[in-house]
Amino acid sequence: MITLDELRLIHAAFPWFFPAAAGLFGACIGSFLNVCIYRIPAGRSVVRPGSHCACGQPVRWHDNIPILSWLLLRGRARCCGRPFSVRYPAIELLTALLFLASALLFPPGKALCVMVFVSLLVLGSFVDIDHMIIPDRCTIGGAVIGVLLALAVPSLHGHAAAPALDPMLGFMLAALQSGIDAVLGLFVGSALVLWIGLLAEKILRKEAMGFGDVKLLGCIGAFIGWKGAVFAVFGGAVLGVIATLLWLPFARRNPDSGDATAGAAPTVAPQPATAEGEEPSGEASPGLMGMPVPFGPMLSAAGLLYLFWLHPLVDSYFAEIAAVLRELGG
């Protein structure tokens, strides 16, 4: 069994090894997520049967290598020549890049937690794009996982044991602080988007946001804290406006197209899946300019932007607001 010291020696000699391994692992996870995105809304097992073509033939292992097989086969099945959507390698590449960024930006323990978070967001986002639902296993399950990981890995929320304390006591205090941050993020995130949705519903007199988005914000808050959850709400709204404006010319060009091709946003909201335990993320909402907009991917993208790059800026902004409020209160 490889010891921690040996792992450090490997990292010192080959600093590229672990980030590269994380990227390859992410591509494999992305391949599995493709299966989950297709099968979970249909209520099918993600384990059995194995991957197979639309013609019914099983996909051989050498034709199921993430990204590479799609390129070698030029996007077509070996057995029958049917085209495979470019979205399959795109999701694999996206997951690989996010895992690579996790390995490069965070210490090992936090990086593993972030990889779990990334997987949940990718799965929930693409199911939301396809069906306007977000599975409970990504939201409620993700929130529970986020709190448990915060307790097990305090560095997820930036806490570390004080060097002056006994190691076990220091870890327990850091874990308690991290767990409190996760629970606070869960409740602040879900409550914030819930009240925004209720207010928008009163103003628009129709459902503006589904409970899938509420639960997703709880999951995001459990992993990245209340500040990240607040940023995800407003950052997601900005990303939603940008995405809608970019898609608007294509929607006007094809006003009658109701079926969405892989990787493209639908111009008419598809019927939501009715699997037990899953709720629409907002299928009743007209979206922006009369277009249905799944909000889950926007929330997820904004949460990842905060986590990977923007948290120092956002946290300093919240600190300035808190200082101003203290001055006013004093």
Protein backbone atom coordinates (compact mmCIF):
# COMPACT_ATOMS: atom_id res chain seq x y z
CA MET A 1 0.00 0.00 0.00
CA ILE A 2 1.33 3.42 -0.97
CA THR A 3 2.02 5.67 2.02
CA LEU A 4 1.36 9.39 2.28
CA ASP A 5 5.10 10.12 2.14
CA GLU A 6 5.38 8.13 -1.10
CA LEU A 7 2.51 10.09 -2.60
CA ARG A 8 4.30 13.31 -1.68
CA LEU A 9 7.46 12.06 -3.36
CA ILE A 10 5.50 11.22 -6.52
CA HIS A 11 3.96 14.69 -6.51
CA ALA A 12 7.35 16.32 -6.00
CA ALA A 13 8.93 14.35 -8.85
CA PHE A 14 5.96 14.52 -11.23
CA PRO A 15 3.79 17.53 -10.31
CA TRP A 16 1.62 16.95 -13.37
CA PHE A 17 0.73 13.35 -12.45
CA PHE A 18 -2.15 13.86 -10.02
CA PRO A 19 -3.86 16.68 -11.98
CA ALA A 20 -3.63 14.54 -15.14
CA ALA A 21 -5.04 11.54 -13.26
CA ALA A 22 -7.86 13.73 -11.97
CA GLY A 23 -8.68 14.85 -15.51
CA LEU A 24 -8.75 11.27 -16.81
CA PHE A 25 -10.88 10.21 -13.87
CA GLY A 26 -13.22 13.11 -14.58
CA ALA A 27 -13.65 11.96 -18.19
CA CYS A 28 -14.64 8.50 -16.94
CA ILE A 29 -17.09 10.02 -14.46
CA GLY A 30 -18.48 12.16 -17.29
CA SER A 31 -19.10 9.00 -19.31
CA PHE A 32 -21.05 7.54 -16.39
CA LEU A 33 -22.96 10.80 -15.97
CA ASN A 34 -24.08 10.52 -19.60
CA VAL A 35 -25.75 7.23 -18.67
CA CYS A 36 -27.31 8.75 -15.56
CA ILE A 37 -28.63 11.79 -17.45
CA TYR A 38 -30.40 9.52 -19.92
CA ARG A 39 -31.66 6.79 -17.57
CA ILE A 40 -32.53 8.46 -14.24
CA PRO A 41 -35.46 10.54 -15.57
CA ALA A 42 -36.81 7.37 -17.19
CA GLY A 43 -36.62 5.51 -13.89
CA ARG A 44 -34.14 2.98 -15.26
CA SER A 45 -31.12 1.40 -13.59
CA VAL A 46 -27.82 3.16 -14.27
CA VAL A 47 -25.95 -0.14 -13.85
CA ARG A 48 -27.85 -2.70 -15.91
CA PRO A 49 -27.91 -3.26 -18.80
CA GLY A 50 -24.53 -2.04 -19.97
CA SER A 51 -24.11 0.67 -22.58
CA HIS A 52 -25.71 -0.24 -25.88
CA CYS A 53 -26.45 1.37 -29.22
CA ALA A 54 -29.93 2.45 -30.28
CA CYS A 55 -29.99 -0.56 -32.59
CA GLY A 56 -29.69 -2.84 -29.55
CA GLN A 57 -26.08 -3.94 -29.95
CA PRO A 58 -23.89 -3.62 -26.83
CA VAL A 59 -21.09 -1.08 -27.02
CA ARG A 60 -17.69 -2.78 -26.81
CA TRP A 61 -15.23 -1.55 -24.20
CA HIS A 62 -12.81 -0.16 -26.78
CA ASP A 63 -15.65 1.83 -28.33
CA ASN A 64 -16.59 3.26 -24.93
CA ILE A 65 -13.39 5.13 -24.05
CA PRO A 66 -14.38 8.65 -22.98
CA ILE A 67 -13.87 11.34 -25.66
CA LEU A 68 -11.33 9.26 -27.61
CA SER A 69 -13.79 6.66 -28.94
CA TRP A 70 -16.14 9.35 -30.23
CA LEU A 71 -13.27 10.99 -32.12
CA LEU A 72 -11.92 7.71 -33.55
CA LEU A 73 -15.38 6.61 -34.67
CA ARG A 74 -16.12 10.10 -36.01
CA GLY A 75 -19.27 10.31 -33.96
CA ARG A 76 -20.90 7.20 -35.40
CA ALA A 77 -21.68 3.76 -33.99
CA ARG A 78 -19.41 1.00 -35.24
CA CYS A 79 -22.28 -1.53 -35.40
CA CYS A 80 -24.84 0.39 -37.48
CA GLY A 81 -23.35 3.75 -38.38
CA ARG A 82 -25.91 5.77 -36.42
CA PRO A 83 -24.61 9.18 -35.33
CA PHE A 84 -23.84 9.80 -31.67
CA SER A 85 -24.60 13.25 -30.32
CA VAL A 86 -21.61 15.53 -29.77
CA ARG A 87 -23.06 16.17 -26.32
CA TYR A 88 -21.65 12.85 -25.06
CA PRO A 89 -17.97 13.78 -25.48
CA ALA A 90 -18.79 17.38 -24.52
CA ILE A 91 -20.07 16.28 -21.09
CA GLU A 92 -17.04 14.01 -20.68
CA LEU A 93 -14.69 16.86 -21.57
CA LEU A 94 -16.53 19.32 -19.32
CA THR A 95 -16.32 16.96 -16.35
CA ALA A 96 -12.65 16.23 -17.07
CA LEU A 97 -11.79 19.94 -17.14
CA LEU A 98 -13.69 20.62 -13.91
CA PHE A 99 -11.93 17.72 -12.17
CA LEU A 100 -8.60 19.01 -13.48
CA ALA A 101 -9.35 22.49 -12.13
CA SER A 102 -10.31 20.97 -8.78
CA ALA A 103 -6.97 19.17 -8.54
CA LEU A 104 -5.02 22.27 -9.52
CA LEU A 105 -6.81 24.80 -7.31
CA PHE A 106 -7.52 22.95 -4.07
CA PRO A 107 -5.70 20.70 -1.58
CA PRO A 108 -6.39 16.96 -2.01
CA GLY A 109 -9.18 16.58 0.56
CA LYS A 110 -11.15 19.58 -0.64
CA ALA A 111 -10.48 18.66 -4.27
CA LEU A 112 -12.19 15.28 -3.80
CA CYS A 113 -15.20 17.01 -2.20
CA VAL A 114 -15.36 19.48 -5.09
CA MET A 115 -15.31 16.59 -7.58
CA VAL A 116 -18.38 15.13 -5.89
CA PHE A 117 -20.04 18.55 -6.05
CA VAL A 118 -19.17 18.95 -9.73
CA SER A 119 -20.64 15.54 -10.56
CA LEU A 120 -23.93 16.39 -8.84
CA LEU A 121 -24.18 19.73 -10.66
CA VAL A 122 -23.40 18.29 -14.10
CA LEU A 123 -25.98 15.54 -13.63
CA GLY A 124 -28.69 17.86 -12.34
CA SER A 125 -28.03 20.56 -14.93
CA PHE A 126 -28.33 18.35 -18.00
CA VAL A 127 -31.39 16.53 -16.68
CA ASP A 128 -32.91 19.97 -16.12
CA ILE A 129 -32.07 21.01 -19.68
CA ASP A 130 -33.70 17.88 -21.09
CA HIS A 131 -36.75 17.51 -18.85
CA MET A 132 -37.10 20.68 -16.75
CA ILE A 133 -36.67 18.64 -13.57
CA ILE A 134 -33.81 18.24 -11.13
CA PRO A 135 -33.62 14.77 -9.51
CA ASP A 136 -33.87 14.71 -5.72
CA ARG A 137 -30.73 12.61 -5.56
CA CYS A 138 -28.84 15.65 -6.89
CA THR A 139 -30.52 18.18 -4.59
CA ILE A 140 -31.68 16.63 -1.32
CA GLY A 141 -29.10 13.86 -1.58
CA GLY A 142 -26.45 16.40 -2.57
CA ALA A 143 -27.30 18.62 0.43
CA VAL A 144 -26.92 15.68 2.82
CA ILE A 145 -23.63 14.69 1.19
CA GLY A 146 -22.42 18.30 1.40
CA VAL A 147 -23.07 18.52 5.14
CA LEU A 148 -21.42 15.14 5.80
CA LEU A 149 -18.36 16.06 3.73
CA ALA A 150 -18.12 19.40 5.54
CA LEU A 151 -17.93 17.51 8.84
CA ALA A 152 -15.39 15.00 7.50
CA VAL A 153 -13.25 17.51 5.56
CA PRO A 154 -13.31 20.90 7.34
CA SER A 155 -11.13 22.45 4.62
CA LEU A 156 -14.19 22.30 2.34
CA HIS A 157 -15.30 25.50 4.05
CA GLY A 158 -11.81 26.81 4.74
CA HIS A 159 -11.41 25.61 8.32
CA ALA A 160 -8.32 24.01 9.78
CA ALA A 161 -7.37 22.81 13.24
CA ALA A 162 -5.62 25.42 15.37
CA PRO A 163 -1.95 24.39 15.83
CA ALA A 164 -2.05 25.25 19.54
CA LEU A 165 -4.79 22.71 20.25
CA ASP A 166 -4.67 18.96 20.66
CA PRO A 167 -4.94 17.47 17.12
CA MET A 168 -8.17 15.57 17.79
CA LEU A 169 -9.80 18.50 19.61
CA GLY A 170 -8.64 20.88 16.89
CA PHE A 171 -10.12 18.69 14.17
CA MET A 172 -13.43 18.38 16.01
CA LEU A 173 -13.73 22.14 16.43
CA ALA A 174 -12.84 22.72 12.78
CA ALA A 175 -15.35 20.04 11.72
CA LEU A 176 -18.05 21.70 13.87
CA GLN A 177 -17.38 25.10 12.29
CA SER A 178 -17.42 23.59 8.81
CA GLY A 179 -20.65 21.72 9.52
CA ILE A 180 -22.31 24.90 10.77
CA ASP A 181 -21.24 26.70 7.59
CA ALA A 182 -22.72 23.89 5.48
CA VAL A 183 -26.05 23.87 7.32
CA LEU A 184 -26.22 27.67 7.23
CA GLY A 185 -25.51 27.65 3.50
CA LEU A 186 -28.16 24.99 2.97
CA PHE A 187 -30.90 26.95 4.73
CA VAL A 188 -29.92 30.43 3.50
CA GLY A 189 -29.63 29.24 -0.10
CA SER A 190 -32.91 27.34 -0.19
CA ALA A 191 -34.83 30.00 1.76
CA LEU A 192 -33.55 32.82 -0.43
CA VAL A 193 -34.56 31.29 -3.73
CA LEU A 194 -37.86 30.12 -2.23
CA TRP A 195 -38.87 33.64 -1.22
CA ILE A 196 -37.70 35.06 -4.54
CA GLY A 197 -39.82 32.47 -6.32
CA LEU A 198 -42.88 33.18 -4.16
CA LEU A 199 -42.53 36.92 -4.71
CA ALA A 200 -42.14 36.47 -8.47
CA GLU A 201 -45.19 34.20 -8.47
CA LYS A 202 -47.30 36.90 -6.80
CA ILE A 203 -46.11 39.51 -9.29
CA LEU A 204 -46.41 37.37 -12.42
CA ARG A 205 -49.45 35.43 -11.16
CA LYS A 206 -47.93 32.16 -12.34
CA GLU A 207 -45.24 29.79 -11.13
CA ALA A 208 -41.88 31.44 -11.69
CA MET A 209 -39.57 28.91 -10.04
CA GLY A 210 -39.99 25.27 -9.06
CA PHE A 211 -38.97 23.54 -5.87
CA GLY A 212 -36.22 21.73 -7.77
CA ASP A 213 -34.31 25.03 -7.92
CA VAL A 214 -34.98 25.65 -4.22
CA LYS A 215 -33.51 22.29 -3.27
CA LEU A 216 -30.58 22.75 -5.67
CA LEU A 217 -29.66 26.02 -3.94
CA GLY A 218 -29.68 24.15 -0.66
CA CYS A 219 -27.20 21.66 -2.09
CA ILE A 220 -25.01 24.46 -3.47
CA GLY A 221 -25.05 26.25 -0.12
CA ALA A 222 -24.08 23.06 1.72
CA PHE A 223 -20.94 22.77 -0.40
CA ILE A 224 -19.87 26.40 -0.81
CA GLY A 225 -21.56 28.25 2.07
CA TRP A 226 -24.20 30.95 2.27
CA LYS A 227 -22.13 33.58 0.45
CA GLY A 228 -21.69 31.27 -2.51
CA ALA A 229 -25.40 30.43 -2.46
CA VAL A 230 -26.37 34.11 -2.52
CA PHE A 231 -23.95 34.74 -5.37
CA ALA A 232 -25.35 31.72 -7.24
CA VAL A 233 -28.87 33.20 -7.14
CA PHE A 234 -27.96 36.59 -8.56
CA GLY A 235 -25.09 35.35 -10.74
CA GLY A 236 -27.39 32.66 -12.11
CA ALA A 237 -29.98 35.30 -12.99
CA VAL A 238 -27.36 37.25 -14.94
CA LEU A 239 -26.19 34.11 -16.75
CA GLY A 240 -29.82 33.28 -17.53
CA VAL A 241 -30.35 36.65 -19.17
CA ILE A 242 -27.15 36.29 -21.19
CA ALA A 243 -28.03 32.75 -22.31
CA THR A 244 -31.53 33.82 -23.32
CA LEU A 245 -30.28 36.79 -25.34
CA LEU A 246 -27.73 34.59 -27.10
CA TRP A 247 -30.38 31.96 -27.91
CA LEU A 248 -33.09 34.41 -28.94
CA PRO A 249 -31.99 34.78 -32.60
CA PHE A 250 -32.05 30.97 -33.06
CA ALA A 251 -35.45 30.70 -31.37
CA ARG A 252 -36.92 33.34 -33.70
CA ARG A 253 -35.43 31.59 -36.70
CA ASN A 254 -37.12 28.29 -35.72
CA PRO A 255 -40.31 29.34 -33.92
CA ASP A 256 -42.09 25.99 -34.39
CA SER A 257 -39.29 23.69 -33.30
CA GLY A 258 -40.39 22.03 -30.11
CA ASP A 259 -37.95 19.12 -29.98
CA ALA A 260 -34.54 19.97 -28.68
CA THR A 261 -31.50 18.32 -30.16
CA ALA A 262 -28.72 17.25 -27.85
CA GLY A 263 -26.88 20.20 -26.42
CA ALA A 264 -29.41 22.78 -27.60
CA ALA A 265 -31.90 24.67 -25.44
CA PRO A 266 -35.54 23.85 -26.19
CA THR A 267 -37.79 26.56 -27.51
CA VAL A 268 -40.88 24.91 -26.04
CA ALA A 269 -40.82 23.41 -22.56
CA PRO A 270 -40.82 19.60 -22.72
CA GLN A 271 -43.18 17.62 -20.55
CA PRO A 272 -41.53 16.99 -17.20
CA ALA A 273 -40.76 13.48 -16.10
CA THR A 274 -43.14 12.09 -13.51
CA ALA A 275 -40.74 9.87 -11.59
CA GLU A 276 -41.65 9.70 -7.93
CA GLY A 277 -39.54 11.97 -5.76
CA GLU A 278 -38.77 14.44 -8.53
CA GLU A 279 -40.38 17.83 -8.93
CA PRO A 280 -40.39 20.18 -11.91
CA SER A 281 -37.69 22.82 -11.66
CA GLY A 282 -39.96 25.36 -13.28
CA GLU A 283 -41.88 23.95 -16.24
CA ALA A 284 -44.73 26.40 -15.71
CA SER A 285 -42.47 29.40 -16.00
CA PRO A 286 -42.54 31.35 -19.28
CA GLY A 287 -38.90 32.27 -18.72
CA LEU A 288 -37.52 35.38 -20.35
CA MET A 289 -39.30 36.83 -23.38
CA GLY A 290 -41.76 33.93 -23.32
CA MET A 291 -39.01 31.30 -23.57
CA PRO A 292 -38.75 28.51 -20.99
CA VAL A 293 -35.37 28.70 -19.26
CA PRO A 294 -34.15 25.90 -16.98
CA PHE A 295 -32.63 27.77 -14.07
CA GLY A 296 -30.68 24.83 -12.61
CA PRO A 297 -27.74 25.08 -15.07
CA MET A 298 -27.46 28.82 -14.39
CA LEU A 299 -27.38 28.30 -10.63
CA SER A 300 -24.81 25.54 -11.05
CA ALA A 301 -22.57 27.62 -13.33
CA ALA A 302 -22.68 30.60 -10.98
CA GLY A 303 -21.90 28.38 -7.99
CA LEU A 304 -18.87 26.92 -9.77
CA LEU A 305 -17.66 30.39 -10.82
CA TYR A 306 -17.75 31.43 -7.18
CA LEU A 307 -16.02 28.28 -5.98
CA PHE A 308 -13.21 28.19 -8.54
CA TRP A 309 -12.41 31.84 -9.17
CA LEU A 310 -14.62 34.55 -7.68
CA HIS A 311 -14.87 33.67 -3.98
CA PRO A 312 -12.08 36.08 -2.83
CA LEU A 313 -13.78 39.00 -4.59
CA VAL A 314 -17.30 38.06 -3.45
CA ASP A 315 -16.23 37.35 0.13
CA SER A 316 -14.40 40.70 0.37
CA TYR A 317 -17.53 42.42 -0.95
CA PHE A 318 -19.66 40.80 1.77
CA ALA A 319 -17.00 41.77 4.35
CA GLU A 320 -17.23 45.41 3.25
CA ILE A 321 -21.02 45.33 3.55
CA ALA A 322 -20.73 43.84 7.06
CA ALA A 323 -18.23 46.57 8.06
CA VAL A 324 -20.58 49.29 6.81
CA LEU A 325 -23.50 47.77 8.71
CA ARG A 326 -21.41 47.59 11.89
CA GLU A 327 -20.50 51.27 11.55
CA LEU A 328 -24.13 52.21 11.04
CA GLY A 329 -25.17 50.09 14.00
CA GLY A 330 -22.44 51.50 16.23
